[in-house]
Amino acid sequence: MAHIHEKIDFTVEVFVVYQNKVLLRKHDKYKIWLSVGGHIELDEDPNQAAVREVKEETGLEIKLAGGSWEDKDAEGYQELIPPKFLNRHRINDAHEHVTLVYFGRAATDKITQGTDEVSDEMRWFTGAELDDFSYNIREKIKNYAHSALEELGEK
């Protein structure tokens, strides 16, 4: 986990879709349903961070939605897949995150819990389950998850 500054960090979160379900995890510290994600390391770009975080936390290999991710050319120029959303939010009184929100597609729904990142619970949600009040999913998370299902779910 790279902290670039005591006041602010850049992070990624990924709403992973398999068929017509989206993956959420119950955050171990905050006890709320969130997407998969984490800090962008100093030696990687946001696309690399998104793919890495999903792999570390879930064992899933994903393909990011929204374009191709090209290798660097001879001059070091590289096109990146842009995030679907971008937000800034407070973590506590002294620290904020700028978060790049991505959508990704998984080829399987078989999750393997990472060793470094442990979640109390991870599960695949249908659109109807996202709206079930018993899960107490925050509105912003619901909106992102529904958007991911709309874009990447099977029609």
Protein backbone atom coordinates (compact mmCIF):
# COMPACT_ATOMS: atom_id res chain seq x y z
CA MET A 1 0.00 0.00 0.00
CA ALA A 2 1.72 3.15 -1.21
CA HIS A 3 0.95 6.35 0.59
CA ILE A 4 2.11 9.23 -1.56
CA HIS A 5 1.26 11.82 1.02
CA GLU A 6 -0.07 11.95 4.56
CA LYS A 7 -3.08 13.97 3.36
CA ILE A 8 -4.06 12.29 0.06
CA ASP A 9 -3.61 9.09 -1.94
CA PHE A 10 -4.66 7.89 -5.37
CA THR A 11 -6.61 4.64 -5.42
CA VAL A 12 -8.52 2.38 -7.80
CA GLU A 13 -11.69 0.42 -7.36
CA VAL A 14 -13.06 -2.17 -9.74
CA PHE A 15 -16.62 -3.35 -10.17
CA VAL A 16 -16.05 -6.87 -11.49
CA VAL A 17 -18.87 -8.45 -13.50
CA TYR A 18 -19.41 -12.12 -14.31
CA GLN A 19 -22.48 -12.89 -16.39
CA ASN A 20 -25.24 -10.87 -14.66
CA LYS A 21 -23.65 -10.44 -11.24
CA VAL A 22 -21.24 -7.91 -9.78
CA LEU A 23 -18.68 -8.68 -7.10
CA LEU A 24 -18.65 -6.75 -3.82
CA ARG A 25 -16.65 -7.34 -0.69
CA LYS A 26 -17.37 -6.42 2.90
CA HIS A 27 -14.45 -4.24 3.95
CA ASP A 28 -12.59 -5.72 6.91
CA LYS A 29 -12.04 -2.39 8.68
CA TYR A 30 -15.15 -0.39 7.75
CA LYS A 31 -17.67 -3.30 7.66
CA ILE A 32 -19.42 -1.94 4.58
CA TRP A 33 -19.94 -3.38 1.10
CA LEU A 34 -17.43 -1.97 -1.40
CA SER A 35 -15.88 -2.92 -4.70
CA VAL A 36 -12.44 -4.48 -4.95
CA GLY A 37 -9.58 -1.99 -4.92
CA GLY A 38 -6.70 -0.27 -3.24
CA HIS A 39 -3.80 2.13 -3.55
CA ILE A 40 -1.93 2.79 -6.78
CA GLU A 41 1.69 1.85 -6.18
CA LEU A 42 4.39 4.34 -7.14
CA ASP A 43 5.78 2.06 -9.87
CA GLU A 44 2.51 1.32 -11.68
CA ASP A 45 -0.17 3.06 -13.66
CA PRO A 46 -3.87 3.00 -12.66
CA ASN A 47 -4.71 0.18 -15.11
CA GLN A 48 -1.99 -2.02 -13.66
CA ALA A 49 -3.17 -1.20 -10.13
CA ALA A 50 -6.78 -2.14 -10.96
CA VAL A 51 -5.81 -5.51 -12.42
CA ARG A 52 -3.33 -6.21 -9.60
CA GLU A 53 -5.76 -5.34 -6.80
CA VAL A 54 -8.44 -7.64 -8.21
CA LYS A 55 -5.94 -10.49 -8.58
CA GLU A 56 -4.52 -9.99 -5.06
CA GLU A 57 -7.90 -9.77 -3.34
CA THR A 58 -9.94 -12.31 -5.32
CA GLY A 59 -7.62 -14.43 -7.45
CA LEU A 60 -9.60 -13.33 -10.53
CA GLU A 61 -8.00 -12.38 -13.83
CA ILE A 62 -10.01 -9.53 -15.37
CA LYS A 63 -10.21 -7.51 -18.54
CA LEU A 64 -10.84 -3.83 -17.94
CA ALA A 65 -13.79 -2.35 -19.83
CA GLY A 66 -13.48 0.69 -22.02
CA GLY A 67 -10.76 0.17 -24.56
CA SER A 68 -7.43 -1.40 -25.22
CA TRP A 69 -4.42 -1.15 -23.01
CA GLU A 70 -1.44 -0.72 -25.26
CA ASP A 71 2.23 -1.33 -24.60
CA LYS A 72 4.53 1.67 -24.49
CA ASP A 73 5.86 2.82 -27.81
CA ALA A 74 9.50 3.67 -28.51
CA GLU A 75 9.09 7.13 -26.97
CA GLY A 76 7.52 5.72 -23.79
CA TYR A 77 3.98 6.86 -24.67
CA GLN A 78 1.18 4.55 -23.58
CA GLU A 79 -2.58 4.77 -23.96
CA LEU A 80 -4.45 3.83 -20.80
CA ILE A 81 -8.03 2.73 -20.33
CA PRO A 82 -9.84 5.66 -18.71
CA PRO A 83 -11.87 5.13 -15.54
CA LYS A 84 -15.66 5.06 -15.71
CA PHE A 85 -15.93 7.42 -12.75
CA LEU A 86 -13.59 9.53 -10.65
CA ASN A 87 -14.25 10.69 -7.10
CA ARG A 88 -12.59 12.29 -4.11
CA HIS A 89 -13.64 11.31 -0.61
CA ARG A 90 -12.49 11.67 2.95
CA ILE A 91 -11.15 8.58 4.76
CA ASN A 92 -10.78 10.38 8.10
CA ASP A 93 -10.26 13.93 9.35
CA ALA A 94 -6.66 14.03 8.05
CA HIS A 95 -6.71 11.87 4.91
CA GLU A 96 -8.47 11.72 1.53
CA HIS A 97 -8.51 9.44 -1.50
CA VAL A 98 -8.85 10.32 -5.16
CA THR A 99 -10.36 7.15 -6.62
CA LEU A 100 -10.43 6.00 -10.23
CA VAL A 101 -13.42 3.68 -10.69
CA TYR A 102 -13.13 0.93 -13.30
CA PHE A 103 -15.38 -1.85 -14.57
CA GLY A 104 -13.90 -5.25 -15.34
CA ARG A 105 -15.11 -8.55 -16.72
CA ALA A 106 -14.12 -11.89 -15.19
CA ALA A 107 -14.07 -15.19 -17.09
CA THR A 108 -15.15 -17.13 -13.98
CA ASP A 109 -16.93 -16.54 -10.68
CA LYS A 110 -14.49 -18.70 -8.66
CA ILE A 111 -12.95 -16.49 -5.98
CA THR A 112 -9.85 -17.29 -3.96
CA GLN A 113 -9.29 -15.09 -0.93
CA GLY A 114 -5.94 -13.30 -0.96
CA THR A 115 -3.48 -13.62 1.89
CA ASP A 116 -2.57 -9.94 2.19
CA GLU A 117 -6.07 -8.56 1.73
CA VAL A 118 -8.73 -10.33 3.77
CA SER A 119 -12.40 -9.45 3.51
CA ASP A 120 -15.05 -10.54 5.97
CA GLU A 121 -17.19 -11.59 3.04
CA MET A 122 -17.19 -11.48 -0.75
CA ARG A 123 -20.19 -12.27 -2.92
CA TRP A 124 -21.67 -11.87 -6.36
CA PHE A 125 -24.78 -9.65 -6.38
CA THR A 126 -27.59 -9.56 -8.92
CA GLY A 127 -29.17 -6.20 -9.70
CA ALA A 128 -32.14 -7.05 -7.46
CA GLU A 129 -29.87 -8.03 -4.57
CA LEU A 130 -28.06 -4.69 -4.79
CA ASP A 131 -31.37 -3.00 -4.00
CA ASP A 132 -32.20 -5.34 -1.09
CA PHE A 133 -32.18 -3.09 2.00
CA SER A 134 -30.97 -5.93 4.23
CA TYR A 135 -27.48 -5.64 2.68
CA ASN A 136 -27.29 -1.93 3.51
CA ILE A 137 -25.21 -1.07 0.43
CA ARG A 138 -24.41 2.63 0.09
CA GLU A 139 -26.16 4.48 -2.73
CA LYS A 140 -22.97 5.45 -4.56
CA ILE A 141 -21.78 1.82 -4.53
CA LYS A 142 -25.20 0.65 -5.76
CA ASN A 143 -25.13 3.18 -8.59
CA TYR A 144 -21.64 2.15 -9.73
CA ALA A 145 -22.54 -1.56 -9.46
CA HIS A 146 -25.76 -1.12 -11.44
CA SER A 147 -23.83 0.82 -14.11
CA ALA A 148 -21.27 -2.00 -14.35
CA LEU A 149 -24.04 -4.59 -14.73
CA GLU A 150 -25.75 -2.49 -17.36
CA GLU A 151 -22.55 -2.15 -19.37
CA LEU A 152 -21.02 -5.61 -18.92
CA GLY A 153 -23.88 -7.93 -17.95
CA GLU A 154 -25.21 -10.46 -20.43
CA LYS A 155 -28.11 -9.13 -22.40
